[in-house]
């Protein structure tokens, strides 16, 4: 069945060729001039794929925030006025415009802890006889003069009180109502019952005539010489002659 179909197809094709050839006469058979065959190649038109339009994000520009100026208000601190000095000072003895007092051991320690200069002077008092006095004046002084005496027992066996020497101390100026603590340092060796007393205080308002502060101690103590005990010589006993 397959072969038959092919043959018929060829016969029909030949019959068509003969029929067509009979209608046209050719003097010579010319080789057909090949004509340039223009091949039209259908160019594939590129598909234009439309990209979805990207929407630009509109960034809203923030307006710069104006910084608020911070105004610092100064706090007014009220400074409490210095307490008024109690006048006349408690425990002081007055003589005109001058006030004086012999401080207790506790009061003296309180002053020494706040005054390095006096603390240095106090070191000498571990070897030598010392005293202390606090002075003040209502109008103030250009300089001070303090005199005192040192006294004590005559000897370890004789308690009779005698003078050991005299002390003169000058002190720098002080303001009105200013309390000044003065150490009376001597060069008298420290002994039991030795006392610095008979304190005399002078407040000057005139210009200084000497350098201050100064300390001068003059010793008047005379070491008693030991007394020799003379035993009476026994008188010879009378002899009797026979």
Protein backbone atom coordinates (compact mmCIF):
# COMPACT_ATOMS: atom_id res chain seq x y z
CA UNK A 1 0.00 0.00 0.00
CA UNK A 2 2.76 2.37 0.76
CA UNK A 3 4.57 1.73 -2.58
CA UNK A 4 1.54 2.34 -4.73
CA UNK A 5 0.92 5.68 -3.36
CA UNK A 6 4.41 6.82 -4.16
CA UNK A 7 4.22 5.80 -7.80
CA UNK A 8 1.02 7.58 -8.48
CA UNK A 9 2.48 10.65 -6.98
CA UNK A 10 5.44 10.56 -9.38
CA UNK A 11 3.22 9.98 -12.45
CA UNK A 12 1.07 12.90 -11.69
CA UNK A 13 4.14 15.03 -11.18
CA UNK A 14 5.58 14.05 -14.60
CA UNK A 15 2.32 14.69 -16.40
CA UNK A 16 2.24 18.15 -15.03
CA UNK A 17 5.76 18.85 -16.15
CA UNK A 18 5.05 17.68 -19.76
CA UNK A 19 1.94 19.73 -20.02
CA UNK A 20 3.71 22.82 -18.87
CA UNK A 21 6.62 22.21 -21.18
CA UNK A 22 4.46 21.96 -24.25
CA UNK A 23 3.04 25.38 -23.98
CA UNK A 24 6.42 27.15 -24.06
CA UNK A 25 9.02 26.82 -26.89
CA UNK A 26 12.74 27.41 -26.29
CA UNK A 27 15.30 28.05 -29.20
CA UNK A 28 18.18 27.21 -27.01
CA UNK A 29 18.32 26.16 -23.67
CA UNK A 30 19.94 28.88 -21.70
CA UNK A 31 21.39 28.19 -18.50
CA UNK A 32 19.35 29.97 -16.09
CA UNK A 33 21.11 32.99 -14.77
CA UNK A 34 21.02 32.63 -11.21
CA UNK A 35 19.31 35.50 -9.69
CA UNK A 36 20.40 36.51 -6.40
CA UNK A 37 17.91 35.25 -4.13
CA UNK A 38 17.17 37.69 -1.48
CA UNK A 39 16.45 35.84 1.52
CA UNK A 40 14.35 37.74 3.74
CA UNK A 41 15.05 36.51 7.11
CA UNK A 42 12.46 37.55 9.39
CA UNK A 43 14.24 39.15 12.25
CA UNK A 44 12.76 38.35 15.48
CA UNK A 45 11.54 41.50 16.94
CA UNK A 46 12.82 41.61 20.40
CA UNK A 47 10.17 41.65 22.85
CA UNK A 48 10.31 44.77 24.82
CA UNK A 49 9.44 43.86 28.29
CA UNK A 50 8.30 46.89 30.03
CA UNK A 51 9.76 47.01 33.41
CA UNK A 52 7.49 48.09 36.05
CA UNK A 53 8.28 51.68 36.81
CA UNK A 54 10.06 51.88 40.06
CA UNK A 55 8.48 54.48 42.13
CA UNK A 56 11.08 56.63 43.74
CA UNK A 57 10.61 56.93 47.36
CA UNK A 58 10.06 60.50 48.17
CA UNK A 59 11.99 61.12 51.31
CA UNK A 60 10.47 63.97 53.10
CA UNK A 61 13.23 66.22 54.31
CA UNK A 62 12.85 66.87 57.93
CA UNK A 63 13.13 70.41 58.88
CA UNK A 64 16.03 70.96 61.23
CA UNK A 65 14.77 71.19 64.72
CA UNK A 66 15.85 74.43 66.20
CA UNK A 67 17.72 73.71 69.41
CA UNK A 68 16.32 75.51 72.31
CA UNK A 69 18.84 77.62 74.09
CA UNK A 70 19.08 76.49 77.63
CA UNK A 71 19.47 79.44 79.88
CA UNK A 72 21.04 78.49 83.17
CA UNK A 73 19.94 80.68 85.94
CA UNK A 74 22.58 81.30 88.50
CA UNK A 75 21.44 80.44 91.92
CA UNK A 76 22.22 83.12 94.34
CA UNK A 77 23.77 81.56 97.35
CA UNK A 78 23.37 83.62 100.39
CA UNK A 79 26.60 83.62 102.32
CA UNK A 80 25.90 83.49 105.98
CA UNK A 81 27.73 86.25 107.78
CA UNK A 82 30.55 85.19 110.06
CA UNK A 83 29.36 84.77 113.61
CA UNK A 84 30.17 87.73 115.77
CA UNK A 85 32.95 87.22 118.22
CA UNK A 86 31.59 87.02 121.71
CA UNK A 87 32.88 90.03 123.54
CA UNK A 88 34.14 90.19 126.13
CA UNK A 89 35.48 86.62 125.72
CA UNK A 90 34.28 84.18 128.35
CA UNK A 91 36.67 83.25 131.13
CA UNK A 92 39.04 86.16 130.47
CA UNK A 93 40.13 88.66 133.10
CA UNK A 94 39.95 92.27 132.00
CA UNK A 95 42.29 95.15 132.77
CA UNK A 96 41.19 98.16 130.76
CA UNK A 97 41.16 97.18 127.09
CA UNK A 98 43.31 94.07 127.67
CA UNK A 99 41.83 90.62 128.29
CA UNK A 100 43.90 87.64 129.40
CA UNK A 101 43.42 84.02 130.39
CA UNK A 102 45.57 80.98 131.21
CA UNK A 103 44.11 78.19 129.00
CA UNK A 104 43.35 74.72 130.29
CA UNK A 105 45.22 71.70 128.91
CA UNK A 106 42.20 70.76 126.77
CA UNK A 107 41.86 74.27 125.35
CA UNK A 108 45.59 74.43 124.62
CA UNK A 109 45.53 71.12 122.73
CA UNK A 110 42.66 72.41 120.59
CA UNK A 111 44.67 75.50 119.66
CA UNK A 112 47.85 73.52 118.94
CA UNK A 113 46.06 71.16 116.53
CA UNK A 114 45.09 74.13 114.37
CA UNK A 115 48.37 76.05 114.65
CA UNK A 116 51.52 74.33 113.27
CA UNK A 117 53.81 77.10 114.51
CA UNK A 118 52.72 76.66 118.10
CA UNK A 119 52.93 72.85 117.73
CA UNK A 120 56.60 73.21 116.77
CA UNK A 121 57.28 75.44 119.77
CA UNK A 122 55.51 72.98 122.05
CA UNK A 123 58.14 70.30 121.36
CA UNK A 124 60.60 72.26 123.51
CA UNK A 125 58.26 71.96 126.48
CA UNK A 126 59.12 68.27 126.88
CA UNK A 127 62.56 69.35 128.20
CA UNK A 128 62.08 72.88 129.50
CA UNK A 129 59.64 74.68 131.77
CA UNK A 130 56.84 76.37 129.80
CA UNK A 131 53.70 78.38 130.35
CA UNK A 132 50.84 79.63 128.18
CA UNK A 133 48.53 82.64 128.11
CA UNK A 134 45.78 83.90 125.81
CA UNK A 135 45.50 87.64 125.22
CA UNK A 136 43.11 89.93 123.37
CA UNK A 137 42.45 93.64 122.99
CA UNK A 138 39.30 95.50 121.96
CA UNK A 139 41.03 97.90 119.48
CA UNK A 140 43.96 95.60 118.65
CA UNK A 141 47.69 96.03 119.25
CA UNK A 142 50.70 96.86 117.08
CA UNK A 143 52.71 94.42 119.23
CA UNK A 144 52.64 92.70 122.61
CA UNK A 145 55.14 92.38 125.45
CA UNK A 146 54.71 89.63 128.04
CA UNK A 147 56.99 89.12 131.04
CA UNK A 148 56.94 86.30 133.57
CA UNK A 149 59.03 84.66 136.24
CA UNK A 150 59.99 81.05 136.81
CA UNK A 151 60.01 79.72 140.33
CA UNK A 152 60.26 76.42 142.13
CA UNK A 153 61.58 74.60 145.21
CA UNK A 154 65.06 75.29 146.43
CA UNK A 155 66.07 71.67 146.17
CA UNK A 156 64.68 68.18 146.30
CA UNK A 157 65.00 68.23 150.06
CA UNK A 158 64.13 71.89 150.60
CA UNK A 159 60.62 72.90 149.42
CA UNK A 160 61.25 76.61 149.94
CA UNK A 161 60.06 78.45 146.81
CA UNK A 162 62.69 80.58 145.10
CA UNK A 163 63.01 82.43 141.77
CA UNK A 164 64.73 80.55 138.97
CA UNK A 165 64.76 83.32 136.37
CA UNK A 166 62.80 85.86 134.33
CA UNK A 167 61.25 85.59 130.87
CA UNK A 168 60.44 88.30 128.31
CA UNK A 169 58.42 87.49 125.20
CA UNK A 170 57.34 89.81 122.37
CA UNK A 171 54.42 88.96 120.09
CA UNK A 172 53.34 90.07 116.61
CA UNK A 173 50.43 92.54 116.12
CA UNK A 174 46.82 91.44 116.54
CA UNK A 175 43.54 92.70 115.16
CA UNK A 176 40.67 94.08 117.17
CA UNK A 177 39.06 91.42 119.39
CA UNK A 178 41.50 88.79 118.10
CA UNK A 179 42.45 86.14 120.64
CA UNK A 180 46.15 85.26 120.48
CA UNK A 181 47.64 82.22 122.22
CA UNK A 182 51.23 82.71 123.39
CA UNK A 183 53.57 79.97 124.58
CA UNK A 184 56.04 81.09 127.24
CA UNK A 185 59.04 78.86 126.54
CA UNK A 186 62.06 79.02 128.85
CA UNK A 187 65.41 77.26 128.88
CA UNK A 188 64.96 76.23 132.49
CA UNK A 189 65.24 72.44 132.78
CA UNK A 190 61.90 70.84 133.51
CA UNK A 191 61.56 69.81 137.14
CA UNK A 192 58.66 68.92 139.42
CA UNK A 193 56.81 71.91 140.88
CA UNK A 194 58.53 74.46 138.61
CA UNK A 195 55.99 77.17 137.70
CA UNK A 196 55.86 79.99 135.12
CA UNK A 197 53.88 82.75 136.79
CA UNK A 198 53.65 86.45 137.68
CA UNK A 199 52.60 87.17 134.08
CA UNK A 200 52.51 90.84 133.08
CA UNK A 201 50.98 91.85 129.71
CA UNK A 202 51.46 95.07 127.76
CA UNK A 203 49.55 96.01 124.60
CA UNK A 204 51.30 98.65 122.46
CA UNK A 205 49.65 100.98 119.95
CA UNK A 206 52.85 102.77 118.97
CA UNK A 207 55.14 101.54 116.17
CA UNK A 208 57.45 98.65 117.06
CA UNK A 209 60.92 99.55 118.23
CA UNK A 210 62.30 96.02 117.94
CA UNK A 211 61.86 92.85 115.94
CA UNK A 212 59.07 90.50 116.95
CA UNK A 213 58.48 87.80 117.98
CA UNK A 214 61.33 87.18 120.43
CA UNK A 215 61.91 85.19 123.59
CA UNK A 216 64.56 86.01 126.18
CA UNK A 217 65.12 84.02 129.33
CA UNK A 218 67.57 85.07 132.05
CA UNK A 219 68.32 82.47 134.69
CA UNK A 220 68.93 83.66 138.25
CA UNK A 221 68.92 80.27 139.86
CA UNK A 222 71.97 79.50 141.95
CA UNK A 223 72.57 75.89 142.78
CA UNK A 224 72.91 75.74 146.55
CA UNK A 225 76.22 74.38 147.66
CA UNK A 226 75.99 71.50 150.02
CA UNK A 227 76.64 72.50 153.66
CA UNK A 228 79.28 70.56 155.49
CA UNK A 229 78.37 69.20 158.86
CA UNK A 230 81.22 69.74 161.32
CA UNK A 231 81.11 67.42 164.24
CA UNK A 232 82.58 68.88 167.45
CA UNK A 233 85.97 67.54 168.41
CA UNK A 234 85.73 65.81 171.74
CA UNK A 235 87.76 67.59 174.40
CA UNK A 236 90.47 65.55 176.08
CA UNK A 237 89.46 64.07 179.37
CA UNK A 238 91.40 65.44 182.39
CA UNK A 239 94.10 63.27 183.77
CA UNK A 240 94.99 62.91 187.46
CA UNK A 241 98.53 62.64 188.55
CA UNK A 242 99.37 60.50 191.51
